[in-house]
Amino acid sequence: MPARATNLNKHGAAVQLQRELLVGSIVAVKNKRGTQISARVVSQLVARDGVPTYAIEFVEQDERHDRSELR
């Protein structure tokens, strides 16, 4: 499902997508090159233009992947 990551750092990001997510759930985040990592939804932020935005934190500790590329 397409999503847009903002405020991305090595610990997590804010993610905008056209779907409701439950706080506490684990989601898979994948970049355009196919690199995938697990993340936990920690809160729902204010929606912009009707699109829900969620704060996520990365739960994998795999340092081989540059998390800043998960967009």
PDB file of N, CA and C in Angstrom:
ATOM      1  N   MET A   1       0.843  -1.168   0.000  1.00  0.00           N
ATOM      2  CA  MET A   1       0.000   0.000   0.000  1.00  0.00           C
ATOM      3  C   MET A   1       0.897   1.242   0.000  1.00  0.00           C
ATOM      4  N   PRO A   2       0.695   2.155  -0.915  1.00  0.00           N
ATOM      5  CA  PRO A   2       1.526   3.362  -0.987  1.00  0.00           C
ATOM      6  C   PRO A   2       1.369   4.220   0.265  1.00  0.00           C
ATOM      7  N   ALA A   3       2.493   4.746   0.726  1.00  0.00           N
ATOM      8  CA  ALA A   3       2.521   5.638   1.885  1.00  0.00           C
ATOM      9  C   ALA A   3       3.635   6.648   1.671  1.00  0.00           C
ATOM     10  N   ARG A   4       3.582   7.722   2.448  1.00  0.00           N
ATOM     11  CA  ARG A   4       4.624   8.743   2.364  1.00  0.00           C
ATOM     12  C   ARG A   4       5.217   8.932   3.743  1.00  0.00           C
ATOM     13  N   ALA A   5       6.538   8.781   3.854  1.00  0.00           N
ATOM     14  CA  ALA A   5       7.235   8.973   5.125  1.00  0.00           C
ATOM     15  C   ALA A   5       7.755  10.397   5.213  1.00  0.00           C
ATOM     16  N   THR A   6       7.560  11.016   6.380  1.00  0.00           N
ATOM     17  CA  THR A   6       8.103  12.342   6.652  1.00  0.00           C
ATOM     18  C   THR A   6       8.802  12.288   8.003  1.00  0.00           C
ATOM     19  N   ASN A   7       9.602  13.289   8.289  1.00  0.00           N
ATOM     20  CA  ASN A   7      10.329  13.345   9.564  1.00  0.00           C
ATOM     21  C   ASN A   7      11.051  12.033   9.851  1.00  0.00           C
ATOM     22  N   LEU A   8      11.702  11.506   8.834  1.00  0.00           N
ATOM     23  CA  LEU A   8      12.371  10.211   8.913  1.00  0.00           C
ATOM     24  C   LEU A   8      13.714  10.337   9.621  1.00  0.00           C
ATOM     25  N   ASN A   9      13.997   9.424  10.561  1.00  0.00           N
ATOM     26  CA  ASN A   9      15.312   9.350  11.185  1.00  0.00           C
ATOM     27  C   ASN A   9      15.636   7.884  11.469  1.00  0.00           C
ATOM     28  N   LYS A  10      16.753   7.618  12.128  1.00  0.00           N
ATOM     29  CA  LYS A  10      17.154   6.220  12.326  1.00  0.00           C
ATOM     30  C   LYS A  10      16.267   5.463  13.309  1.00  0.00           C
ATOM     31  N   HIS A  11      15.414   6.165  14.053  1.00  0.00           N
ATOM     32  CA  HIS A  11      14.553   5.518  15.039  1.00  0.00           C
ATOM     33  C   HIS A  11      13.125   5.300  14.557  1.00  0.00           C
ATOM     34  N   GLY A  12      12.677   6.111  13.579  1.00  0.00           N
ATOM     35  CA  GLY A  12      11.299   5.994  13.116  1.00  0.00           C
ATOM     36  C   GLY A  12      10.942   7.088  12.139  1.00  0.00           C
ATOM     37  N   ALA A  13       9.626   7.325  12.004  1.00  0.00           N
ATOM     38  CA  ALA A  13       9.160   8.306  11.027  1.00  0.00           C
ATOM     39  C   ALA A  13       7.693   8.633  11.288  1.00  0.00           C
ATOM     40  N   ALA A  14       7.227   9.647  10.606  1.00  0.00           N
ATOM     41  CA  ALA A  14       5.792   9.900  10.494  1.00  0.00           C
ATOM     42  C   ALA A  14       5.392   9.381   9.119  1.00  0.00           C
ATOM     43  N   VAL A  15       4.290   8.648   9.048  1.00  0.00           N
ATOM     44  CA  VAL A  15       3.872   8.018   7.790  1.00  0.00           C
ATOM     45  C   VAL A  15       2.431   8.409   7.486  1.00  0.00           C
ATOM     46  N   GLN A  16       2.214   8.887   6.262  1.00  0.00           N
ATOM     47  CA  GLN A  16       0.869   9.233   5.799  1.00  0.00           C
ATOM     48  C   GLN A  16       0.398   8.140   4.859  1.00  0.00           C
ATOM     49  N   LEU A  17      -0.811   7.610   5.122  1.00  0.00           N
ATOM     50  CA  LEU A  17      -1.373   6.635   4.200  1.00  0.00           C
ATOM     51  C   LEU A  17      -2.888   6.609   4.326  1.00  0.00           C
ATOM     52  N   GLN A  18      -3.536   6.154   3.265  1.00  0.00           N
ATOM     53  CA  GLN A  18      -5.000   6.115   3.174  1.00  0.00           C
ATOM     54  C   GLN A  18      -5.552   4.847   3.804  1.00  0.00           C
ATOM     55  N   ARG A  19      -5.204   4.609   5.066  1.00  0.00           N
ATOM     56  CA  ARG A  19      -5.676   3.412   5.762  1.00  0.00           C
ATOM     57  C   ARG A  19      -5.569   3.655   7.258  1.00  0.00           C
ATOM     58  N   GLU A  20      -6.493   3.091   8.009  1.00  0.00           N
ATOM     59  CA  GLU A  20      -6.411   3.203   9.459  1.00  0.00           C
ATOM     60  C   GLU A  20      -5.496   2.122  10.008  1.00  0.00           C
ATOM     61  N   LEU A  21      -4.639   2.501  10.951  1.00  0.00           N
ATOM     62  CA  LEU A  21      -3.752   1.563  11.626  1.00  0.00           C
ATOM     63  C   LEU A  21      -4.043   1.617  13.123  1.00  0.00           C
ATOM     64  N   LEU A  22      -3.869   0.503  13.788  1.00  0.00           N
ATOM     65  CA  LEU A  22      -4.063   0.449  15.234  1.00  0.00           C
ATOM     66  C   LEU A  22      -2.748   0.763  15.942  1.00  0.00           C
ATOM     67  N   VAL A  23      -2.815   1.628  16.941  1.00  0.00           N
ATOM     68  CA  VAL A  23      -1.634   1.922  17.746  1.00  0.00           C
ATOM     69  C   VAL A  23      -1.190   0.626  18.414  1.00  0.00           C
ATOM     70  N   GLY A  24       0.105   0.350  18.338  1.00  0.00           N
ATOM     71  CA  GLY A  24       0.668  -0.882  18.893  1.00  0.00           C
ATOM     72  C   GLY A  24       0.873  -1.983  17.870  1.00  0.00           C
ATOM     73  N   SER A  25       0.270  -1.832  16.696  1.00  0.00           N
ATOM     74  CA  SER A  25       0.425  -2.870  15.675  1.00  0.00           C
ATOM     75  C   SER A  25       1.803  -2.781  15.020  1.00  0.00           C
ATOM     76  N   ILE A  26       2.240  -3.896  14.469  1.00  0.00           N
ATOM     77  CA  ILE A  26       3.514  -3.974  13.749  1.00  0.00           C
ATOM     78  C   ILE A  26       3.208  -3.956  12.260  1.00  0.00           C
ATOM     79  N   VAL A  27       3.931  -3.102  11.535  1.00  0.00           N
ATOM     80  CA  VAL A  27       3.745  -2.984  10.088  1.00  0.00           C
ATOM     81  C   VAL A  27       5.085  -3.178   9.400  1.00  0.00           C
ATOM     82  N   ALA A  28       5.043  -3.548   8.139  1.00  0.00           N
ATOM     83  CA  ALA A  28       6.245  -3.661   7.316  1.00  0.00           C
ATOM     84  C   ALA A  28       6.356  -2.401   6.472  1.00  0.00           C
ATOM     85  N   VAL A  29       7.543  -1.801   6.472  1.00  0.00           N
ATOM     86  CA  VAL A  29       7.807  -0.595   5.697  1.00  0.00           C
ATOM     87  C   VAL A  29       8.840  -0.960   4.641  1.00  0.00           C
ATOM     88  N   LYS A  30       8.542  -0.607   3.390  1.00  0.00           N
ATOM     89  CA  LYS A  30       9.433  -0.976   2.292  1.00  0.00           C
ATOM     90  C   LYS A  30       9.726   0.254   1.447  1.00  0.00           C
ATOM     91  N   ASN A  31      11.003   0.403   1.009  1.00  0.00           N
ATOM     92  CA  ASN A  31      11.340   1.516   0.124  1.00  0.00           C
ATOM     93  C   ASN A  31      11.185   1.092  -1.331  1.00  0.00           C
ATOM     94  N   LYS A  32      11.462   2.007  -2.241  1.00  0.00           N
ATOM     95  CA  LYS A  32      11.284   1.734  -3.674  1.00  0.00           C
ATOM     96  C   LYS A  32      12.249   0.687  -4.198  1.00  0.00           C
ATOM     97  N   ARG A  33      13.360   0.458  -3.491  1.00  0.00           N
ATOM     98  CA  ARG A  33      14.322  -0.559  -3.914  1.00  0.00           C
ATOM     99  C   ARG A  33      14.008  -1.936  -3.340  1.00  0.00           C
ATOM    100  N   GLY A  34      12.969  -2.015  -2.493  1.00  0.00           N
ATOM    101  CA  GLY A  34      12.555  -3.297  -1.959  1.00  0.00           C
ATOM    102  C   GLY A  34      13.073  -3.639  -0.578  1.00  0.00           C
ATOM    103  N   THR A  35      13.891  -2.757   0.024  1.00  0.00           N
ATOM    104  CA  THR A  35      14.361  -3.000   1.380  1.00  0.00           C
ATOM    105  C   THR A  35      13.185  -2.866   2.338  1.00  0.00           C
ATOM    106  N   GLN A  36      13.000  -3.867   3.199  1.00  0.00           N
ATOM    107  CA  GLN A  36      11.851  -3.886   4.107  1.00  0.00           C
ATOM    108  C   GLN A  36      12.322  -3.995   5.551  1.00  0.00           C
ATOM    109  N   ILE A  37      11.601  -3.322   6.458  1.00  0.00           N
ATOM    110  CA  ILE A  37      11.910  -3.361   7.884  1.00  0.00           C
ATOM    111  C   ILE A  37      10.599  -3.294   8.662  1.00  0.00           C
ATOM    112  N   SER A  38      10.577  -3.875   9.858  1.00  0.00           N
ATOM    113  CA  SER A  38       9.382  -3.836  10.697  1.00  0.00           C
ATOM    114  C   SER A  38       9.365  -2.571  11.544  1.00  0.00           C
ATOM    115  N   ALA A  39       8.153  -2.067  11.773  1.00  0.00           N
ATOM    116  CA  ALA A  39       7.980  -0.870  12.597  1.00  0.00           C
ATOM    117  C   ALA A  39       6.707  -1.009  13.418  1.00  0.00           C
ATOM    118  N   ARG A  40       6.695  -0.372  14.572  1.00  0.00           N
ATOM    119  CA  ARG A  40       5.524  -0.371  15.462  1.00  0.00           C
ATOM    120  C   ARG A  40       4.835   0.984  15.360  1.00  0.00           C
ATOM    121  N   VAL A  41       3.514   0.971  15.261  1.00  0.00           N
ATOM    122  CA  VAL A  41       2.731   2.209  15.250  1.00  0.00           C
ATOM    123  C   VAL A  41       2.638   2.684  16.701  1.00  0.00           C
ATOM    124  N   VAL A  42       3.170   3.887  16.984  1.00  0.00           N
ATOM    125  CA  VAL A  42       3.184   4.370  18.369  1.00  0.00           C
ATOM    126  C   VAL A  42       2.115   5.421  18.647  1.00  0.00           C
ATOM    127  N   SER A  43       1.637   6.121  17.616  1.00  0.00           N
ATOM    128  CA  SER A  43       0.544   7.077  17.826  1.00  0.00           C
ATOM    129  C   SER A  43      -0.038   7.525  16.493  1.00  0.00           C
ATOM    130  N   GLN A  44      -1.262   8.025  16.570  1.00  0.00           N
ATOM    131  CA  GLN A  44      -1.872   8.636  15.396  1.00  0.00           C
ATOM    132  C   GLN A  44      -1.736  10.137  15.558  1.00  0.00           C
ATOM    133  N   LEU A  45      -1.222  10.782  14.522  1.00  0.00           N
ATOM    134  CA  LEU A  45      -1.012  12.224  14.531  1.00  0.00           C
ATOM    135  C   LEU A  45      -2.174  12.905  13.829  1.00  0.00           C
ATOM    136  N   VAL A  46      -2.123  14.200  13.733  1.00  0.00           N
ATOM    137  CA  VAL A  46      -3.172  14.962  13.058  1.00  0.00           C
ATOM    138  C   VAL A  46      -3.188  14.618  11.572  1.00  0.00           C
ATOM    139  N   ALA A  47      -4.372  14.400  11.027  1.00  0.00           N
ATOM    140  CA  ALA A  47      -4.517  14.103   9.593  1.00  0.00           C
ATOM    141  C   ALA A  47      -4.331  15.385   8.792  1.00  0.00           C
ATOM    142  N   ARG A  48      -3.673  15.262   7.653  1.00  0.00           N
ATOM    143  CA  ARG A  48      -3.497  16.389   6.730  1.00  0.00           C
ATOM    144  C   ARG A  48      -4.306  16.111   5.483  1.00  0.00           C
ATOM    145  N   ASP A  49      -5.149  17.050   5.121  1.00  0.00           N
ATOM    146  CA  ASP A  49      -5.996  16.902   3.937  1.00  0.00           C
ATOM    147  C   ASP A  49      -6.776  15.594   3.962  1.00  0.00           C
ATOM    148  N   GLY A  50      -7.197  15.187   5.145  1.00  0.00           N
ATOM    149  CA  GLY A  50      -7.982  13.977   5.282  1.00  0.00           C
ATOM    150  C   GLY A  50      -7.194  12.681   5.251  1.00  0.00           C
ATOM    151  N   VAL A  51      -5.858  12.768   5.182  1.00  0.00           N
ATOM    152  CA  VAL A  51      -5.007  11.574   5.134  1.00  0.00           C
ATOM    153  C   VAL A  51      -4.436  11.326   6.533  1.00  0.00           C
ATOM    154  N   PRO A  52      -4.738  10.175   7.139  1.00  0.00           N
ATOM    155  CA  PRO A  52      -4.199   9.877   8.469  1.00  0.00           C
ATOM    156  C   PRO A  52      -2.670   9.823   8.460  1.00  0.00           C
ATOM    157  N   THR A  53      -2.072  10.316   9.538  1.00  0.00           N
ATOM    158  CA  THR A  53      -0.628  10.286   9.715  1.00  0.00           C
ATOM    159  C   THR A  53      -0.320   9.577  11.022  1.00  0.00           C
ATOM    160  N   TYR A  54       0.664   8.685  10.991  1.00  0.00           N
ATOM    161  CA  TYR A  54       1.018   7.879  12.154  1.00  0.00           C
ATOM    162  C   TYR A  54       2.499   8.017  12.466  1.00  0.00           C
ATOM    163  N   ALA A  55       2.824   7.985  13.756  1.00  0.00           N
ATOM    164  CA  ALA A  55       4.220   7.928  14.184  1.00  0.00           C
ATOM    165  C   ALA A  55       4.580   6.453  14.315  1.00  0.00           C
ATOM    166  N   ILE A  56       5.700   6.069  13.703  1.00  0.00           N
ATOM    167  CA  ILE A  56       6.161   4.687  13.792  1.00  0.00           C
ATOM    168  C   ILE A  56       7.582   4.668  14.333  1.00  0.00           C
ATOM    169  N   GLU A  57       7.925   3.566  15.016  1.00  0.00           N
ATOM    170  CA  GLU A  57       9.302   3.365  15.459  1.00  0.00           C
ATOM    171  C   GLU A  57       9.784   2.039  14.882  1.00  0.00           C
ATOM    172  N   PHE A  58      11.015   2.037  14.405  1.00  0.00           N
ATOM    173  CA  PHE A  58      11.574   0.823  13.841  1.00  0.00           C
ATOM    174  C   PHE A  58      11.861  -0.163  14.959  1.00  0.00           C
ATOM    175  N   VAL A  59      11.535  -1.432  14.746  1.00  0.00           N
ATOM    176  CA  VAL A  59      11.731  -2.442  15.779  1.00  0.00           C
ATOM    177  C   VAL A  59      12.866  -3.399  15.454  1.00  0.00           C
ATOM    178  N   GLU A  60      13.356  -3.384  14.252  1.00  0.00           N
ATOM    179  CA  GLU A  60      14.499  -4.225  13.885  1.00  0.00           C
ATOM    180  C   GLU A  60      15.784  -3.477  14.159  1.00  0.00           C
ATOM    181  N   GLN A  61      16.807  -4.199  14.524  1.00  0.00           N
ATOM    182  CA  GLN A  61      18.097  -3.584  14.826  1.00  0.00           C
ATOM    183  C   GLN A  61      19.143  -3.978  13.790  1.00  0.00           C
ATOM    184  N   ASP A  62      18.739  -4.096  12.547  1.00  0.00           N
ATOM    185  CA  ASP A  62      19.639  -4.498  11.470  1.00  0.00           C
ATOM    186  C   ASP A  62      20.354  -3.270  10.940  1.00  0.00           C
ATOM    187  N   GLU A  63      21.587  -3.097  11.294  1.00  0.00           N
ATOM    188  CA  GLU A  63      22.354  -1.919  10.897  1.00  0.00           C
ATOM    189  C   GLU A  63      22.859  -2.001   9.449  1.00  0.00           C
ATOM    190  N   ARG A  64      22.612  -3.106   8.775  1.00  0.00           N
ATOM    191  CA  ARG A  64      23.042  -3.233   7.374  1.00  0.00           C
ATOM    192  C   ARG A  64      22.212  -2.353   6.454  1.00  0.00           C
ATOM    193  N   HIS A  65      21.014  -1.966   6.887  1.00  0.00           N
ATOM    194  CA  HIS A  65      20.129  -1.173   6.039  1.00  0.00           C
ATOM    195  C   HIS A  65      20.126   0.274   6.488  1.00  0.00           C
ATOM    196  N   ASP A  66      20.199   1.160   5.536  1.00  0.00           N
ATOM    197  CA  ASP A  66      20.111   2.590   5.822  1.00  0.00           C
ATOM    198  C   ASP A  66      18.637   2.949   5.927  1.00  0.00           C
ATOM    199  N   ARG A  67      18.154   3.157   7.133  1.00  0.00           N
ATOM    200  CA  ARG A  67      16.728   3.414   7.345  1.00  0.00           C
ATOM    201  C   ARG A  67      16.287   4.747   6.746  1.00  0.00           C
ATOM    202  N   SER A  68      17.223   5.650   6.522  1.00  0.00           N
ATOM    203  CA  SER A  68      16.840   6.935   5.932  1.00  0.00           C
ATOM    204  C   SER A  68      16.365   6.771   4.488  1.00  0.00           C
ATOM    205  N   GLU A  69      16.559   5.589   3.906  1.00  0.00           N
ATOM    206  CA  GLU A  69      16.113   5.348   2.546  1.00  0.00           C
ATOM    207  C   GLU A  69      14.720   4.728   2.489  1.00  0.00           C
ATOM    208  N   LEU A  70      14.079   4.527   3.616  1.00  0.00           N
ATOM    209  CA  LEU A  70      12.728   3.936   3.637  1.00  0.00           C
ATOM    210  C   LEU A  70      11.709   5.034   3.444  1.00  0.00           C
ATOM    211  N   ARG A  71      11.453   5.375   2.196  1.00  0.00           N
ATOM    212  CA  ARG A  71      10.528   6.466   1.865  1.00  0.00           C
ATOM    213  C   ARG A  71       9.453   5.976   0.964  1.00  0.00           C
TER     214      ARG A  71
END
